[in-house]
């Protein structure tokens, strides 16, 4: 039961942080690819997913060599990173790009998210192993 509380708390914080990424993007008007003021490329989701990949690699690496408690590891990985990243939004926004007639942007979004995400996990694991 205690583990569920750690996952719950981390997930809530991660979800709020993901929403914060969207607010920052909106506040700074970071819309380099847009049509009539409407953002086409889903930057906030990609940034959250890639950053979450970096963090999960870092957290797993650090937890493996520091003796981090299982509860803290669950809080950081399953909770925080799980709440911060989002495969469902990634998938939905990808379909929106296709439906909107932007197959090139869809391909770029898919490939960039996948490549940068995998690279970020590796980078995080390497940084955590130092």
Foldseek 3Di string as FASTA:
>chain_A
DLLVVLQAVQLVQLQVVLVVLVVVCVVVVVQPDDDPSHRLQPVSQLVQLLVLLLQLLQLVLLCVPPVDDPSVSSNRNNRNSVNNHDPVVLVVSLVVCVVVPNVVSSVVSVVCSVVSSVVSSVNSNVVNND
